[in-house]
Amino acid sequence: MSFEVRPGQFFGIIGANGAGKTTLLNLITGYAPPSSGTIEFEGEPIHGLPPYRIAHRGIGRTFQITQPFAEMSVRDNVMTGALFSRNGARRSLKEARAMSEEPLRLVGLTDQADVPAGALTLGGKKKLELARVLATEPKLILLDEVMGGLTWGEIEDLMSTLRRIHAAGATIVMIEHVVHVIVDLCDHVFVLNFGRELFRGTPQDVITHPEVIEAYLGKPIAAGADA
């Protein structure tokens, strides 16, 4: 497969279970080495680099399972992103604390900044993970099924959060099973099927494409076929 994400895009990746979506993110972020091909960021090859070096290049990522430092405050969790980012070694704690303010505001956690991270709801922990990524000053944000396990109300709330983050200038690549989220948020969608490209286009083109429908829902029964 081959695709390109442009600065400022909100790029969606969809596919049925086992299509290779998380594997794709693992390849981009250095958690799995590609067996062939190249992965480039800002014109430079990054395949083969360890995850921390890729993060220092400006690629931030969330994971399907949130793992905050439960006994630390929400603010201190976000500060870790600022301290361990590409410029973190030169930052003081005071500077890291100041850097945490805007990420907390963007995700809507300012009022809970001093709450232990372990006390947050799942939706709150998803927001915290986003804030921690934002504190690393990413040029590209990769979201791995960030809506997983959330209620419909939490999904709508997190969608509003992602709109704010994108409007603030972020380039986002989102892997997601909840198709209406992709349709509402993304301007371009790439469809994976068993590790290969199935289709790409606008959200409306994607959800009405017969092969995409078949990959998600199974092949329709032909009219007149025996039950």
Protein backbone atom coordinates (compact mmCIF):
# COMPACT_ATOMS: atom_id res chain seq x y z
CA MET A 1 0.00 0.00 0.00
CA SER A 2 1.02 3.58 -0.43
CA PHE A 3 -0.56 6.78 0.85
CA GLU A 4 0.33 10.29 1.92
CA VAL A 5 -1.01 12.51 4.69
CA ARG A 6 -0.80 16.24 4.04
CA PRO A 7 -0.28 18.89 6.75
CA GLY A 8 -3.59 19.99 8.26
CA GLN A 9 -5.53 16.93 7.15
CA PHE A 10 -7.93 14.94 9.29
CA PHE A 11 -7.20 11.56 7.73
CA GLY A 12 -9.32 8.50 8.57
CA ILE A 13 -8.35 4.83 8.28
CA ILE A 14 -11.06 2.20 8.52
CA GLY A 15 -11.25 -1.55 8.03
CA ALA A 16 -12.83 -4.63 9.52
CA ASN A 17 -11.22 -6.52 12.42
CA GLY A 18 -7.91 -7.97 11.29
CA ALA A 19 -7.52 -5.53 8.40
CA GLY A 20 -4.15 -4.35 9.72
CA LYS A 21 -5.04 -0.92 11.12
CA THR A 22 -3.13 -1.10 14.41
CA THR A 23 -0.27 -2.92 12.67
CA LEU A 24 -0.03 0.05 10.32
CA LEU A 25 0.30 2.46 13.26
CA ASN A 26 2.86 0.16 14.87
CA LEU A 27 4.92 0.30 11.67
CA ILE A 28 4.75 4.10 11.50
CA THR A 29 5.67 4.58 15.16
CA GLY A 30 8.47 2.03 15.35
CA TYR A 31 6.79 -0.67 17.43
CA ALA A 32 7.09 -3.10 14.50
CA PRO A 33 9.73 -3.10 11.74
CA PRO A 34 8.56 -3.19 8.11
CA SER A 35 9.79 -6.17 6.10
CA SER A 36 10.08 -3.99 3.01
CA GLY A 37 9.20 -0.54 1.72
CA THR A 38 9.81 2.88 3.22
CA ILE A 39 8.07 5.18 5.70
CA GLU A 40 8.93 8.85 5.47
CA PHE A 41 8.09 11.84 7.62
CA GLU A 42 8.78 15.34 6.33
CA GLY A 43 10.86 13.83 3.53
CA GLU A 44 13.13 11.79 5.83
CA PRO A 45 13.00 7.99 6.30
CA ILE A 46 11.88 6.88 9.76
CA HIS A 47 11.42 3.12 9.29
CA GLY A 48 13.74 1.21 11.58
CA LEU A 49 13.95 3.98 14.19
CA PRO A 50 12.92 3.16 17.79
CA PRO A 51 9.62 4.62 19.02
CA TYR A 52 11.20 7.32 21.19
CA ARG A 53 13.18 8.71 18.26
CA ILE A 54 10.09 8.76 16.08
CA ALA A 55 8.24 10.57 18.86
CA HIS A 56 11.07 13.09 19.02
CA ARG A 57 10.64 13.70 15.28
CA GLY A 58 7.16 15.01 16.07
CA ILE A 59 4.80 12.02 15.79
CA GLY A 60 2.50 11.56 18.78
CA ARG A 61 0.27 8.54 19.32
CA THR A 62 -2.56 7.33 21.51
CA PHE A 63 -3.22 3.65 22.24
CA GLN A 64 -6.40 1.60 22.45
CA ILE A 65 -5.84 0.90 26.16
CA THR A 66 -5.21 4.01 28.24
CA GLN A 67 -2.40 3.76 30.80
CA PRO A 68 -2.19 6.97 32.84
CA PHE A 69 -0.04 7.27 35.95
CA ALA A 70 -3.06 6.63 38.15
CA GLU A 71 -1.75 8.11 41.42
CA MET A 72 -0.40 11.27 39.79
CA SER A 73 -2.62 14.25 39.12
CA VAL A 74 -4.05 14.91 35.69
CA ARG A 75 -1.72 17.91 35.34
CA ASP A 76 1.37 15.92 36.33
CA ASN A 77 0.47 13.29 33.73
CA VAL A 78 0.37 15.96 31.06
CA MET A 79 3.65 17.40 32.31
CA THR A 80 5.34 14.06 31.63
CA GLY A 81 4.54 14.58 27.96
CA ALA A 82 6.25 17.96 28.02
CA LEU A 83 9.29 16.63 29.92
CA PHE A 84 9.91 13.57 27.75
CA SER A 85 9.22 15.15 24.37
CA ARG A 86 11.83 16.09 21.77
CA ASN A 87 12.70 19.30 23.66
CA GLY A 88 11.89 18.02 27.13
CA ALA A 89 15.43 17.57 28.40
CA ARG A 90 15.93 21.33 28.31
CA ARG A 91 12.70 22.16 30.19
CA SER A 92 12.28 22.96 33.85
CA LEU A 93 9.33 21.68 35.86
CA LYS A 94 7.93 25.22 35.83
CA GLU A 95 8.10 25.33 32.04
CA ALA A 96 6.51 21.88 31.75
CA ARG A 97 3.71 22.96 34.05
CA ALA A 98 3.08 26.05 31.90
CA MET A 99 3.09 23.88 28.79
CA SER A 100 0.38 21.65 30.25
CA GLU A 101 -2.19 24.46 30.39
CA GLU A 102 -3.10 24.62 26.70
CA PRO A 103 -3.43 20.83 26.22
CA LEU A 104 -5.65 20.67 29.32
CA ARG A 105 -7.81 23.47 27.94
CA LEU A 106 -8.11 21.90 24.49
CA VAL A 107 -9.32 18.58 25.87
CA GLY A 108 -11.56 20.12 28.53
CA LEU A 109 -9.73 18.88 31.63
CA THR A 110 -8.68 22.20 33.17
CA ASP A 111 -11.21 21.86 36.00
CA GLN A 112 -9.93 18.36 36.79
CA ALA A 113 -6.23 19.18 36.56
CA ASP A 114 -5.55 18.41 40.21
CA VAL A 115 -7.64 15.21 40.35
CA PRO A 116 -5.77 11.87 40.50
CA ALA A 117 -5.73 10.44 36.97
CA GLY A 118 -7.04 7.11 38.23
CA ALA A 119 -10.27 8.80 39.34
CA LEU A 120 -11.21 9.86 35.80
CA THR A 121 -13.89 8.10 33.82
CA LEU A 122 -12.79 6.18 30.72
CA GLY A 123 -13.78 9.19 28.62
CA GLY A 124 -11.68 11.41 30.87
CA LYS A 125 -8.70 9.08 30.57
CA LYS A 126 -9.00 9.19 26.77
CA LYS A 127 -8.90 12.98 26.96
CA LEU A 128 -5.91 12.81 29.28
CA GLU A 129 -4.03 10.64 26.81
CA LEU A 130 -4.76 13.22 24.12
CA ALA A 131 -3.53 16.03 26.37
CA ARG A 132 -0.35 14.13 27.16
CA VAL A 133 0.31 13.66 23.44
CA LEU A 134 -0.38 17.35 22.76
CA ALA A 135 2.19 18.31 25.40
CA THR A 136 4.89 16.62 23.30
CA GLU A 137 4.32 19.27 20.61
CA PRO A 138 3.48 16.78 17.86
CA LYS A 139 3.43 17.69 14.18
CA LEU A 140 1.31 14.59 13.52
CA ILE A 141 -1.13 12.86 15.89
CA LEU A 142 -2.07 9.19 15.38
CA LEU A 143 -5.24 8.00 17.14
CA ASP A 144 -5.75 4.25 17.59
CA GLU A 145 -9.50 3.65 18.11
CA VAL A 146 -9.80 6.46 20.61
CA MET A 147 -13.60 5.96 20.80
CA GLY A 148 -13.34 2.33 21.92
CA GLY A 149 -15.42 1.48 25.00
CA LEU A 150 -17.12 4.88 25.24
CA THR A 151 -20.83 5.60 25.53
CA TRP A 152 -22.56 7.56 22.76
CA GLY A 153 -22.54 10.66 24.93
CA GLU A 154 -18.81 10.29 25.58
CA ILE A 155 -18.19 9.74 21.86
CA GLU A 156 -19.99 12.98 20.96
CA ASP A 157 -18.03 14.83 23.64
CA LEU A 158 -14.71 13.45 22.41
CA MET A 159 -15.63 14.31 18.82
CA SER A 160 -16.03 17.94 19.91
CA THR A 161 -12.62 17.72 21.59
CA LEU A 162 -11.00 16.42 18.40
CA ARG A 163 -12.60 19.21 16.37
CA ARG A 164 -10.98 21.76 18.71
CA ILE A 165 -7.60 20.07 18.44
CA HIS A 166 -7.82 19.95 14.65
CA ALA A 167 -8.99 23.56 14.46
CA ALA A 168 -5.94 24.54 16.53
CA GLY A 169 -3.76 23.34 13.65
CA ALA A 170 -3.15 19.64 14.33
CA THR A 171 -2.68 17.08 11.57
CA ILE A 172 -4.54 13.93 12.64
CA VAL A 173 -4.65 10.35 11.42
CA MET A 174 -7.49 8.44 13.03
CA ILE A 175 -8.12 4.70 13.05
CA GLU A 176 -11.69 4.04 14.08
CA HIS A 177 -14.42 1.38 14.04
CA VAL A 178 -17.24 3.87 14.67
CA VAL A 179 -17.91 4.83 11.07
CA HIS A 180 -20.09 7.86 11.80
CA VAL A 181 -17.15 9.40 13.68
CA ILE A 182 -14.95 9.04 10.60
CA VAL A 183 -17.68 10.48 8.36
CA ASP A 184 -18.25 13.48 10.62
CA LEU A 185 -14.61 14.33 11.37
CA CYS A 186 -12.41 13.30 8.46
CA ASP A 187 -11.83 14.96 5.11
CA HIS A 188 -10.19 11.89 3.53
CA VAL A 189 -10.62 8.17 4.27
CA PHE A 190 -8.35 5.23 3.47
CA VAL A 191 -9.91 1.74 3.62
CA LEU A 192 -7.77 -1.26 4.58
CA ASN A 193 -8.74 -4.86 3.89
CA PHE A 194 -6.37 -7.65 5.01
CA GLY A 195 -3.32 -5.41 4.80
CA ARG A 196 -4.07 -3.93 1.40
CA GLU A 197 -5.77 -0.81 0.14
CA LEU A 198 -9.41 -1.41 -0.71
CA PHE A 199 -10.51 2.12 -1.49
CA ARG A 200 -9.79 5.77 -0.70
CA GLY A 201 -11.77 8.96 -1.11
CA THR A 202 -14.11 11.34 0.64
CA PRO A 203 -16.13 9.96 3.56
CA GLN A 204 -19.31 9.96 1.45
CA ASP A 205 -17.60 8.12 -1.39
CA VAL A 206 -16.29 5.52 1.03
CA ILE A 207 -19.52 4.70 2.86
CA THR A 208 -21.43 4.25 -0.41
CA HIS A 209 -18.79 2.13 -2.16
CA PRO A 210 -20.06 -1.46 -2.74
CA GLU A 211 -16.73 -3.16 -1.89
CA VAL A 212 -16.43 -1.22 1.35
CA ILE A 213 -19.98 -2.15 2.33
CA GLU A 214 -19.23 -5.80 1.55
CA ALA A 215 -16.00 -5.76 3.59
CA TYR A 216 -17.87 -4.43 6.63
CA LEU A 217 -21.23 -6.14 6.32
CA GLY A 218 -20.61 -9.19 4.16
CA LYS A 219 -21.69 -9.83 0.60
CA PRO A 220 -25.41 -9.04 0.10
CA ILE A 221 -27.66 -11.97 -0.77
CA ALA A 222 -28.64 -11.78 -4.42
CA ALA A 223 -32.31 -11.08 -5.15
CA GLY A 224 -34.23 -14.30 -5.62
CA ALA A 225 -31.60 -16.50 -4.02
CA ASP A 226 -32.73 -19.45 -1.95
CA ALA A 227 -32.82 -18.85 1.80
